[in-house]
Full PDB file with SEQRES, HELIX, SHEET, SSBOND, CRYST1, ORIGX, SCALE, CONECT and MASTER records, all heavy atoms in Angstrom:
SEQRES   1 A   37  ASN GLU LEU PHE ARG GLN ASP LEU GLU ARG ALA GLY LEU          
SEQRES   2 A   37  LYS ILE LEU VAL GLU SER GLU VAL ALA GLY VAL HIS LEU          
SEQRES   3 A   37  ALA VAL SER PRO ASP LEU LEU ARG VAL VAL TYR                  
HELIX    1 AA1 ARG A    5  ARG A   10  1                                   6    
SHEET    1 AA1 2 LYS A  14  SER A  19  0                                        
SHEET    2 AA1 2 GLY A  23  VAL A  28 -1                                        
CRYST1    1.000    1.000    1.000  90.00  90.00  90.00 P 1           1          
ORIGX1      1.000000  0.000000  0.000000        0.00000                         
ORIGX2      0.000000  1.000000  0.000000        0.00000                         
ORIGX3      0.000000  0.000000  1.000000        0.00000                         
SCALE1      1.000000  0.000000  0.000000        0.00000                         
SCALE2      0.000000  1.000000  0.000000        0.00000                         
SCALE3      0.000000  0.000000  1.000000        0.00000                         
ATOM      1  N   ASN A   1     108.965 103.308  93.101  1.00  0.00           N  
ATOM      2  CA  ASN A   1     109.718 102.451  92.185  1.00  0.00           C  
ATOM      3  C   ASN A   1     109.523 100.985  92.545  1.00  0.00           C  
ATOM      4  O   ASN A   1     109.100 100.649  93.654  1.00  0.00           O  
ATOM      5  CB  ASN A   1     111.208 102.799  92.266  1.00  0.00           C  
ATOM      6  CG  ASN A   1     111.482 104.247  91.884  1.00  0.00           C  
ATOM      7  OD1 ASN A   1     111.666 104.577  90.728  1.00  0.00           O  
ATOM      8  ND2 ASN A   1     111.517 105.136  92.889  1.00  0.00           N  
ATOM      9  N   GLU A   2     109.865 100.117  91.611  1.00  0.00           N  
ATOM     10  CA  GLU A   2     109.639  98.687  91.849  1.00  0.00           C  
ATOM     11  C   GLU A   2     110.694  97.842  91.141  1.00  0.00           C  
ATOM     12  O   GLU A   2     111.168  98.180  90.054  1.00  0.00           O  
ATOM     13  CB  GLU A   2     108.246  98.293  91.348  1.00  0.00           C  
ATOM     14  CG  GLU A   2     107.887  96.840  91.636  1.00  0.00           C  
ATOM     15  CD  GLU A   2     106.390  96.600  91.590  1.00  0.00           C  
ATOM     16  OE1 GLU A   2     105.609  97.563  91.751  1.00  0.00           O  
ATOM     17  OE2 GLU A   2     106.004  95.441  91.397  1.00  0.00           O  
ATOM     18  N   LEU A   3     111.054  96.758  91.829  1.00  0.00           N  
ATOM     19  CA  LEU A   3     111.782  95.657  91.196  1.00  0.00           C  
ATOM     20  C   LEU A   3     110.764  94.561  90.926  1.00  0.00           C  
ATOM     21  O   LEU A   3     110.097  94.088  91.849  1.00  0.00           O  
ATOM     22  CB  LEU A   3     112.891  95.140  92.119  1.00  0.00           C  
ATOM     23  CG  LEU A   3     114.125  96.031  92.236  1.00  0.00           C  
ATOM     24  CD1 LEU A   3     114.985  95.571  93.414  1.00  0.00           C  
ATOM     25  CD2 LEU A   3     114.944  96.006  90.946  1.00  0.00           C  
ATOM     26  N   PHE A   4     110.629  94.163  89.667  1.00  0.00           N  
ATOM     27  CA  PHE A   4     109.616  93.189  89.293  1.00  0.00           C  
ATOM     28  C   PHE A   4     110.142  91.766  89.441  1.00  0.00           C  
ATOM     29  O   PHE A   4     111.343  91.531  89.545  1.00  0.00           O  
ATOM     30  CB  PHE A   4     109.155  93.445  87.856  1.00  0.00           C  
ATOM     31  CG  PHE A   4     108.510  94.790  87.673  1.00  0.00           C  
ATOM     32  CD1 PHE A   4     109.203  95.839  87.079  1.00  0.00           C  
ATOM     33  CD2 PHE A   4     107.215  95.013  88.116  1.00  0.00           C  
ATOM     34  CE1 PHE A   4     108.612  97.081  86.911  1.00  0.00           C  
ATOM     35  CE2 PHE A   4     106.612  96.253  87.954  1.00  0.00           C  
ATOM     36  CZ  PHE A   4     107.310  97.292  87.359  1.00  0.00           C  
ATOM     37  N   ARG A   5     109.216  90.822  89.438  1.00  0.00           N  
ATOM     38  CA  ARG A   5     109.572  89.406  89.582  1.00  0.00           C  
ATOM     39  C   ARG A   5     110.651  89.001  88.579  1.00  0.00           C  
ATOM     40  O   ARG A   5     111.628  88.343  88.944  1.00  0.00           O  
ATOM     41  CB  ARG A   5     108.328  88.527  89.416  1.00  0.00           C  
ATOM     42  CG  ARG A   5     108.643  87.039  89.253  1.00  0.00           C  
ATOM     43  CD  ARG A   5     107.393  86.218  89.048  1.00  0.00           C  
ATOM     44  NE  ARG A   5     106.880  85.767  90.325  1.00  0.00           N  
ATOM     45  CZ  ARG A   5     107.240  84.636  90.923  1.00  0.00           C  
ATOM     46  NH1 ARG A   5     108.174  83.860  90.363  1.00  0.00           N  
ATOM     47  NH2 ARG A   5     106.716  84.267  92.068  1.00  0.00           N  
ATOM     48  N   GLN A   6     110.492  89.402  87.324  1.00  0.00           N  
ATOM     49  CA  GLN A   6     111.468  88.993  86.313  1.00  0.00           C  
ATOM     50  C   GLN A   6     112.843  89.583  86.576  1.00  0.00           C  
ATOM     51  O   GLN A   6     113.871  88.973  86.252  1.00  0.00           O  
ATOM     52  CB  GLN A   6     110.983  89.370  84.907  1.00  0.00           C  
ATOM     53  CG  GLN A   6     110.713  90.849  84.689  1.00  0.00           C  
ATOM     54  CD  GLN A   6     109.273  91.226  84.912  1.00  0.00           C  
ATOM     55  OE1 GLN A   6     108.590  90.606  85.732  1.00  0.00           O  
ATOM     56  NE2 GLN A   6     108.791  92.226  84.168  1.00  0.00           N  
ATOM     57  N   ASP A   7     112.882  90.787  87.177  1.00  0.00           N  
ATOM     58  CA  ASP A   7     114.166  91.386  87.547  1.00  0.00           C  
ATOM     59  C   ASP A   7     114.881  90.527  88.578  1.00  0.00           C  
ATOM     60  O   ASP A   7     116.072  90.216  88.454  1.00  0.00           O  
ATOM     61  CB  ASP A   7     113.961  92.789  88.134  1.00  0.00           C  
ATOM     62  CG  ASP A   7     113.330  93.760  87.151  1.00  0.00           C  
ATOM     63  OD1 ASP A   7     113.629  93.643  85.948  1.00  0.00           O  
ATOM     64  OD2 ASP A   7     112.551  94.621  87.591  1.00  0.00           O  
ATOM     65  N   LEU A   8     114.148  90.159  89.613  1.00  0.00           N  
ATOM     66  CA  LEU A   8     114.745  89.417  90.717  1.00  0.00           C  
ATOM     67  C   LEU A   8     115.117  88.000  90.308  1.00  0.00           C  
ATOM     68  O   LEU A   8     116.172  87.485  90.698  1.00  0.00           O  
ATOM     69  CB  LEU A   8     113.783  89.404  91.905  1.00  0.00           C  
ATOM     70  CG  LEU A   8     113.408  90.804  92.441  1.00  0.00           C  
ATOM     71  CD1 LEU A   8     112.341  90.696  93.524  1.00  0.00           C  
ATOM     72  CD2 LEU A   8     114.635  91.521  92.977  1.00  0.00           C  
ATOM     73  N   GLU A   9     114.279  87.364  89.518  1.00  0.00           N  
ATOM     74  CA  GLU A   9     114.587  86.010  89.073  1.00  0.00           C  
ATOM     75  C   GLU A   9     115.779  86.005  88.123  1.00  0.00           C  
ATOM     76  O   GLU A   9     116.563  85.045  88.105  1.00  0.00           O  
ATOM     77  CB  GLU A   9     113.358  85.383  88.421  1.00  0.00           C  
ATOM     78  CG  GLU A   9     112.249  85.063  89.417  1.00  0.00           C  
ATOM     79  CD  GLU A   9     111.058  84.376  88.784  1.00  0.00           C  
ATOM     80  OE1 GLU A   9     110.807  84.598  87.578  1.00  0.00           O  
ATOM     81  OE2 GLU A   9     110.365  83.625  89.499  1.00  0.00           O  
ATOM     82  N   ARG A  10     115.931  87.074  87.355  1.00  0.00           N  
ATOM     83  CA  ARG A  10     117.092  87.178  86.464  1.00  0.00           C  
ATOM     84  C   ARG A  10     118.393  87.218  87.281  1.00  0.00           C  
ATOM     85  O   ARG A  10     119.436  86.765  86.817  1.00  0.00           O  
ATOM     86  CB  ARG A  10     116.950  88.438  85.598  1.00  0.00           C  
ATOM     87  CG  ARG A  10     118.048  88.667  84.582  1.00  0.00           C  
ATOM     88  CD  ARG A  10     117.525  89.508  83.414  1.00  0.00           C  
ATOM     89  NE  ARG A  10     116.798  90.691  83.855  1.00  0.00           N  
ATOM     90  CZ  ARG A  10     117.345  91.904  83.963  1.00  0.00           C  
ATOM     91  NH1 ARG A  10     118.624  92.086  83.663  1.00  0.00           N  
ATOM     92  NH2 ARG A  10     116.622  92.936  84.336  1.00  0.00           N  
ATOM     93  N   ALA A  11     118.313  87.738  88.485  1.00  0.00           N  
ATOM     94  CA  ALA A  11     119.486  87.794  89.358  1.00  0.00           C  
ATOM     95  C   ALA A  11     119.668  86.511  90.159  1.00  0.00           C  
ATOM     96  O   ALA A  11     120.643  86.395  90.919  1.00  0.00           O  
ATOM     97  CB  ALA A  11     119.357  88.980  90.311  1.00  0.00           C  
ATOM     98  N   GLY A  12     118.762  85.555  89.996  1.00  0.00           N  
ATOM     99  CA  GLY A  12     118.868  84.299  90.730  1.00  0.00           C  
ATOM    100  C   GLY A  12     118.239  84.323  92.112  1.00  0.00           C  
ATOM    101  O   GLY A  12     118.399  83.383  92.897  1.00  0.00           O  
ATOM    102  N   LEU A  13     117.503  85.411  92.432  1.00  0.00           N  
ATOM    103  CA  LEU A  13     116.865  85.486  93.731  1.00  0.00           C  
ATOM    104  C   LEU A  13     115.634  84.583  93.769  1.00  0.00           C  
ATOM    105  O   LEU A  13     114.994  84.342  92.748  1.00  0.00           O  
ATOM    106  CB  LEU A  13     116.465  86.929  94.054  1.00  0.00           C  
ATOM    107  CG  LEU A  13     117.544  87.822  94.677  1.00  0.00           C  
ATOM    108  CD1 LEU A  13     118.772  87.938  93.770  1.00  0.00           C  
ATOM    109  CD2 LEU A  13     116.988  89.205  94.970  1.00  0.00           C  
ATOM    110  N   LYS A  14     115.315  84.106  94.961  1.00  0.00           N  
ATOM    111  CA  LYS A  14     114.149  83.247  95.150  1.00  0.00           C  
ATOM    112  C   LYS A  14     113.005  84.080  95.724  1.00  0.00           C  
ATOM    113  O   LYS A  14     113.135  84.684  96.784  1.00  0.00           O  
ATOM    114  CB  LYS A  14     114.484  82.091  96.095  1.00  0.00           C  
ATOM    115  CG  LYS A  14     113.316  81.171  96.410  1.00  0.00           C  
ATOM    116  CD  LYS A  14     112.834  80.403  95.193  1.00  0.00           C  
ATOM    117  CE  LYS A  14     113.831  79.393  94.731  1.00  0.00           C  
ATOM    118  NZ  LYS A  14     113.281  78.529  93.650  1.00  0.00           N  
ATOM    119  N   ILE A  15     111.862  84.091  95.019  1.00  0.00           N  
ATOM    120  CA  ILE A  15     110.696  84.848  95.452  1.00  0.00           C  
ATOM    121  C   ILE A  15     109.917  84.016  96.474  1.00  0.00           C  
ATOM    122  O   ILE A  15     109.566  82.864  96.204  1.00  0.00           O  
ATOM    123  CB  ILE A  15     109.769  85.187  94.264  1.00  0.00           C  
ATOM    124  CG1 ILE A  15     110.568  85.789  93.101  1.00  0.00           C  
ATOM    125  CG2 ILE A  15     108.651  86.119  94.710  1.00  0.00           C  
ATOM    126  CD1 ILE A  15     111.338  87.017  93.426  1.00  0.00           C  
ATOM    127  N   LEU A  16     109.607  84.621  97.628  1.00  0.00           N  
ATOM    128  CA  LEU A  16     108.868  83.908  98.666  1.00  0.00           C  
ATOM    129  C   LEU A  16     107.443  84.423  98.845  1.00  0.00           C  
ATOM    130  O   LEU A  16     106.539  83.645  99.126  1.00  0.00           O  
ATOM    131  CB  LEU A  16     109.604  84.008 100.015  1.00  0.00           C  
ATOM    132  CG  LEU A  16     111.053  83.524 100.060  1.00  0.00           C  
ATOM    133  CD1 LEU A  16     111.575  83.587 101.490  1.00  0.00           C  
ATOM    134  CD2 LEU A  16     111.191  82.126  99.484  1.00  0.00           C  
ATOM    135  N   VAL A  17     107.261  85.739  98.718  1.00  0.00           N  
ATOM    136  CA  VAL A  17     105.944  86.347  98.963  1.00  0.00           C  
ATOM    137  C   VAL A  17     105.712  87.432  97.927  1.00  0.00           C  
ATOM    138  O   VAL A  17     106.593  88.248  97.660  1.00  0.00           O  
ATOM    139  CB  VAL A  17     105.878  86.967 100.381  1.00  0.00           C  
ATOM    140  CG1 VAL A  17     104.550  87.707 100.576  1.00  0.00           C  
ATOM    141  CG2 VAL A  17     106.059  85.905 101.458  1.00  0.00           C  
ATOM    142  N   GLU A  18     104.505  87.455  97.332  1.00  0.00           N  
ATOM    143  CA  GLU A  18     104.190  88.520  96.386  1.00  0.00           C  
ATOM    144  C   GLU A  18     102.702  88.833  96.401  1.00  0.00           C  
ATOM    145  O   GLU A  18     101.888  88.085  96.957  1.00  0.00           O  
ATOM    146  CB  GLU A  18     104.659  88.180  94.976  1.00  0.00           C  
ATOM    147  CG  GLU A  18     103.958  87.036  94.307  1.00  0.00           C  
ATOM    148  CD  GLU A  18     104.498  86.778  92.892  1.00  0.00           C  
ATOM    149  OE1 GLU A  18     105.064  87.717  92.287  1.00  0.00           O  
ATOM    150  OE2 GLU A  18     104.364  85.642  92.412  1.00  0.00           O  
ATOM    151  N   SER A  19     102.374  89.949  95.773  1.00  0.00           N  
ATOM    152  CA  SER A  19     100.998  90.427  95.684  1.00  0.00           C  
ATOM    153  C   SER A  19     100.620  90.591  94.220  1.00  0.00           C  
ATOM    154  O   SER A  19     101.440  91.011  93.402  1.00  0.00           O  
ATOM    155  CB  SER A  19     100.871  91.776  96.405  1.00  0.00           C  
ATOM    156  OG  SER A  19      99.683  92.448  96.046  1.00  0.00           O  
ATOM    157  N   GLU A  20      99.362  90.281  93.893  1.00  0.00           N  
ATOM    158  CA  GLU A  20      98.891  90.484  92.528  1.00  0.00           C  
ATOM    159  C   GLU A  20      98.889  91.960  92.165  1.00  0.00           C  
ATOM    160  O   GLU A  20      99.018  92.320  90.997  1.00  0.00           O  
ATOM    161  CB  GLU A  20      97.480  89.906  92.375  1.00  0.00           C  
ATOM    162  CG  GLU A  20      97.425  88.386  92.514  1.00  0.00           C  
ATOM    163  CD  GLU A  20      96.007  87.846  92.402  1.00  0.00           C  
ATOM    164  OE1 GLU A  20      95.083  88.680  92.252  1.00  0.00           O  
ATOM    165  OE2 GLU A  20      95.817  86.624  92.473  1.00  0.00           O  
ATOM    166  N   VAL A  21      98.756  92.827  93.163  1.00  0.00           N  
ATOM    167  CA  VAL A  21      98.694  94.269  92.917  1.00  0.00           C  
ATOM    168  C   VAL A  21     100.034  94.942  93.178  1.00  0.00           C  
ATOM    169  O   VAL A  21     100.520  95.728  92.363  1.00  0.00           O  
ATOM    170  CB  VAL A  21      97.600  94.916  93.790  1.00  0.00           C  
ATOM    171  CG1 VAL A  21      97.590  96.435  93.611  1.00  0.00           C  
ATOM    172  CG2 VAL A  21      96.232  94.329  93.479  1.00  0.00           C  
ATOM    173  N   ALA A  22     100.642  94.625  94.310  1.00  0.00           N  
ATOM    174  CA  ALA A  22     101.841  95.351  94.755  1.00  0.00           C  
ATOM    175  C   ALA A  22     103.146  94.683  94.351  1.00  0.00           C  
ATOM    176  O   ALA A  22     104.214  95.226  94.614  1.00  0.00           O  
ATOM    177  CB  ALA A  22     101.803  95.521  96.275  1.00  0.00           C  
ATOM    178  N   GLY A  23     103.086  93.530  93.710  1.00  0.00           N  
ATOM    179  CA  GLY A  23     104.301  92.865  93.259  1.00  0.00           C  
ATOM    180  C   GLY A  23     105.019  92.097  94.345  1.00  0.00           C  
ATOM    181  O   GLY A  23     104.443  91.741  95.381  1.00  0.00           O  
ATOM    182  N   VAL A  24     106.303  91.842  94.133  1.00  0.00           N  
ATOM    183  CA  VAL A  24     107.095  91.036  95.060  1.00  0.00           C  
ATOM    184  C   VAL A  24     107.321  91.811  96.350  1.00  0.00           C  
ATOM    185  O   VAL A  24     107.711  92.982  96.336  1.00  0.00           O  
ATOM    186  CB  VAL A  24     108.450  90.660  94.431  1.00  0.00           C  
ATOM    187  CG1 VAL A  24     109.347  89.972  95.462  1.00  0.00           C  
ATOM    188  CG2 VAL A  24     108.241  89.761  93.224  1.00  0.00           C  
ATOM    189  N   HIS A  25     107.089  91.139  97.450  1.00  0.00           N  
ATOM    190  CA  HIS A  25     107.382  91.726  98.760  1.00  0.00           C  
ATOM    191  C   HIS A  25     108.648  91.145  99.367  1.00  0.00           C  
ATOM    192  O   HIS A  25     109.503  91.881  99.843  1.00  0.00           O  
ATOM    193  CB  HIS A  25     106.214  91.504  99.718  1.00  0.00           C  
ATOM    194  CG  HIS A  25     106.558  91.736 101.160  1.00  0.00           C  
ATOM    195  ND1 HIS A  25     107.111  92.923 101.610  1.00  0.00           N  
ATOM    196  CD2 HIS A  25     106.473  90.917 102.256  1.00  0.00           C  
ATOM    197  CE1 HIS A  25     107.322  92.840 102.923  1.00  0.00           C  
ATOM    198  NE2 HIS A  25     106.957  91.644 103.323  1.00  0.00           N  
ATOM    199  N   LEU A  26     108.794  89.822  99.339  1.00  0.00           N  
ATOM    200  CA  LEU A  26     109.874  89.151 100.050  1.00  0.00           C  
ATOM    201  C   LEU A  26     110.613  88.202  99.108  1.00  0.00           C  
ATOM    202  O   LEU A  26     110.008  87.375  98.440  1.00  0.00           O  
ATOM    203  CB  LEU A  26     109.306  88.379 101.241  1.00  0.00           C  
ATOM    204  CG  LEU A  26     110.232  87.469 102.041  1.00  0.00           C  
ATOM    205  CD1 LEU A  26     111.424  88.235 102.596  1.00  0.00           C  
ATOM    206  CD2 LEU A  26     109.470  86.798 103.181  1.00  0.00           C  
ATOM    207  N   ALA A  27     111.945  88.353  99.075  1.00  0.00           N  
ATOM    208  CA  ALA A  27     112.800  87.468  98.276  1.00  0.00           C  
ATOM    209  C   ALA A  27     114.101  87.256  99.041  1.00  0.00           C  
ATOM    210  O   ALA A  27     114.440  88.023  99.959  1.00  0.00           O  
ATOM    211  CB  ALA A  27     113.082  88.067  96.904  1.00  0.00           C  
ATOM    212  N   VAL A  28     114.836  86.218  98.670  1.00  0.00           N  
ATOM    213  CA  VAL A  28     116.116  85.934  99.313  1.00  0.00           C  
ATOM    214  C   VAL A  28     117.182  85.703  98.246  1.00  0.00           C  
ATOM    215  O   VAL A  28     116.883  85.367  97.108  1.00  0.00           O  
ATOM    216  CB  VAL A  28     116.029  84.700 100.250  1.00  0.00           C  
ATOM    217  CG1 VAL A  28     115.192  85.006 101.475  1.00  0.00           C  
ATOM    218  CG2 VAL A  28     115.471  83.487  99.508  1.00  0.00           C  
ATOM    219  N   SER A  29     118.425  85.888  98.652  1.00  0.00           N  
ATOM    220  CA  SER A  29     119.566  85.680  97.761  1.00  0.00           C  
ATOM    221  C   SER A  29     119.643  84.224  97.334  1.00  0.00           C  
ATOM    222  O   SER A  29     119.005  83.348  97.947  1.00  0.00           O  
ATOM    223  CB  SER A  29     120.847  86.124  98.460  1.00  0.00           C  
ATOM    224  OG  SER A  29     120.936  85.559  99.761  1.00  0.00           O  
ATOM    225  N   PRO A  30     120.407  83.908  96.289  1.00  0.00           N  
ATOM    226  CA  PRO A  30     120.449  82.533  95.773  1.00  0.00           C  
ATOM    227  C   PRO A  30     120.844  81.483  96.810  1.00  0.00           C  
ATOM    228  O   PRO A  30     120.439  80.328  96.695  1.00  0.00           O  
ATOM    229  CB  PRO A  30     121.490  82.620  94.649  1.00  0.00           C  
ATOM    230  CG  PRO A  30     121.402  84.031  94.179  1.00  0.00           C  
ATOM    231  CD  PRO A  30     121.153  84.841  95.422  1.00  0.00           C  
ATOM    232  N   ASP A  31     121.618  81.872  97.841  1.00  0.00           N  
ATOM    233  CA  ASP A  31     121.989  80.924  98.897  1.00  0.00           C  
ATOM    234  C   ASP A  31     120.873  80.727  99.914  1.00  0.00           C  
ATOM    235  O   ASP A  31     121.003  79.937 100.837  1.00  0.00           O  
ATOM    236  CB  ASP A  31     123.255  81.416  99.621  1.00  0.00           C  
ATOM    237  CG  ASP A  31     123.093  82.832 100.123  1.00  0.00           C  
ATOM    238  OD1 ASP A  31     122.334  83.032 101.080  1.00  0.00           O  
ATOM    239  OD2 ASP A  31     123.697  83.763  99.532  1.00  0.00           O  
ATOM    240  N   LEU A  32     119.773  81.481  99.771  1.00  0.00           N  
ATOM    241  CA  LEU A  32     118.528  81.338 100.541  1.00  0.00           C  
ATOM    242  C   LEU A  32     118.553  81.960 101.932  1.00  0.00           C  
ATOM    243  O   LEU A  32     117.555  81.886 102.653  1.00  0.00           O  
ATOM    244  CB  LEU A  32     118.105  79.860 100.652  1.00  0.00           C  
ATOM    245  CG  LEU A  32     117.933  79.103  99.337  1.00  0.00           C  
ATOM    246  CD1 LEU A  32     117.511  77.658  99.594  1.00  0.00           C  
ATOM    247  CD2 LEU A  32     116.903  79.796  98.441  1.00  0.00           C  
ATOM    248  N   LEU A  33     119.657  82.631 102.340  1.00  0.00           N  
ATOM    249  CA  LEU A  33     119.690  83.239 103.669  1.00  0.00           C  
ATOM    250  C   LEU A  33     120.531  84.499 103.772  1.00  0.00           C  
ATOM    251  O   LEU A  33     120.181  85.424 104.506  1.00  0.00           O  
ATOM    252  CB  LEU A  33     120.205  82.226 104.705  1.00  0.00           C  
ATOM    253  CG  LEU A  33     120.307  82.761 106.153  1.00  0.00           C  
ATOM    254  CD1 LEU A  33     118.919  83.108 106.692  1.00  0.00           C  
ATOM    255  CD2 LEU A  33     121.020  81.782 107.058  1.00  0.00           C  
ATOM    256  N   ARG A  34     121.654  84.571 103.037  1.00  0.00           N  
ATOM    257  CA  ARG A  34     122.631  85.632 103.299  1.00  0.00           C  
ATOM    258  C   ARG A  34     122.041  87.030 103.170  1.00  0.00           C  
ATOM    259  O   ARG A  34     122.411  87.940 103.910  1.00  0.00           O  
ATOM    260  CB  ARG A  34     123.841  85.506 102.353  1.00  0.00           C  
ATOM    261  CG  ARG A  34     124.612  84.194 102.459  1.00  0.00           C  
ATOM    262  CD  ARG A  34     125.149  83.928 103.861  1.00  0.00           C  
ATOM    263  NE  ARG A  34     125.974  84.995 104.396  1.00  0.00           N  
ATOM    264  CZ  ARG A  34     127.267  85.170 104.123  1.00  0.00           C  
ATOM    265  NH1 ARG A  34     127.881  84.348 103.279  1.00  0.00           N  
ATOM    266  NH2 ARG A  34     127.947  86.146 104.703  1.00  0.00           N  
ATOM    267  N   VAL A  35     121.122  87.246 102.215  1.00  0.00           N  
ATOM    268  CA  VAL A  35     120.460  88.543 102.071  1.00  0.00           C  
ATOM    269  C   VAL A  35     118.958  88.310 101.918  1.00  0.00           C  
ATOM    270  O   VAL A  35     118.527  87.518 101.091  1.00  0.00           O  
ATOM    271  CB  VAL A  35     120.984  89.338 100.863  1.00  0.00           C  
ATOM    272  CG1 VAL A  35     120.407  90.768 100.892  1.00  0.00           C  
ATOM    273  CG2 VAL A  35     122.508  89.396 100.847  1.00  0.00           C  
ATOM    274  N   VAL A  36     118.186  89.006 102.746  1.00  0.00           N  
ATOM    275  CA  VAL A  36     116.722  88.956 102.710  1.00  0.00           C  
ATOM    276  C   VAL A  36     116.239  90.314 102.214  1.00  0.00           C  
ATOM    277  O   VAL A  36     116.627  91.352 102.753  1.00  0.00           O  
ATOM    278  CB  VAL A  36     116.149  88.654 104.111  1.00  0.00           C  
ATOM    279  CG1 VAL A  36     114.624  88.685 104.084  1.00  0.00           C  
ATOM    280  CG2 VAL A  36     116.658  87.299 104.610  1.00  0.00           C  
ATOM    281  N   TYR A  37     115.398  90.299 101.181  1.00  0.00           N  
ATOM    282  CA  TYR A  37     114.962  91.533 100.543  1.00  0.00           C  
ATOM    283  C   TYR A  37     113.466  91.762 100.773  1.00  0.00           C  
ATOM    284  O   TYR A  37     112.643  90.919 100.414  1.00  0.00           O  
ATOM    285  CB  TYR A  37     115.211  91.473  99.034  1.00  0.00           C  
ATOM    286  CG  TYR A  37     116.658  91.328  98.628  1.00  0.00           C  
ATOM    287  CD1 TYR A  37     117.184  90.085  98.273  1.00  0.00           C  
ATOM    288  CD2 TYR A  37     117.504  92.441  98.564  1.00  0.00           C  
ATOM    289  CE1 TYR A  37     118.510  89.949  97.876  1.00  0.00           C  
ATOM    290  CE2 TYR A  37     118.826  92.326  98.166  1.00  0.00           C  
ATOM    291  CZ  TYR A  37     119.322  91.079  97.831  1.00  0.00           C  
ATOM    292  OH  TYR A  37     120.641  90.950  97.431  1.00  0.00           O  
TER     293      TYR A  37                                                      
MASTER        0    0    0    1    2    0    0    6  292    1    0    3          
END                                                                             
């Protein structure tokens, strides 16, 4: 399963690392630290 970039951005998460093939790898909560995904 996958959470896509548009899913995470809709939630206000900040995308830090992604792959053209495998999608988003690393994102953080809107406060930039409290939750690392």
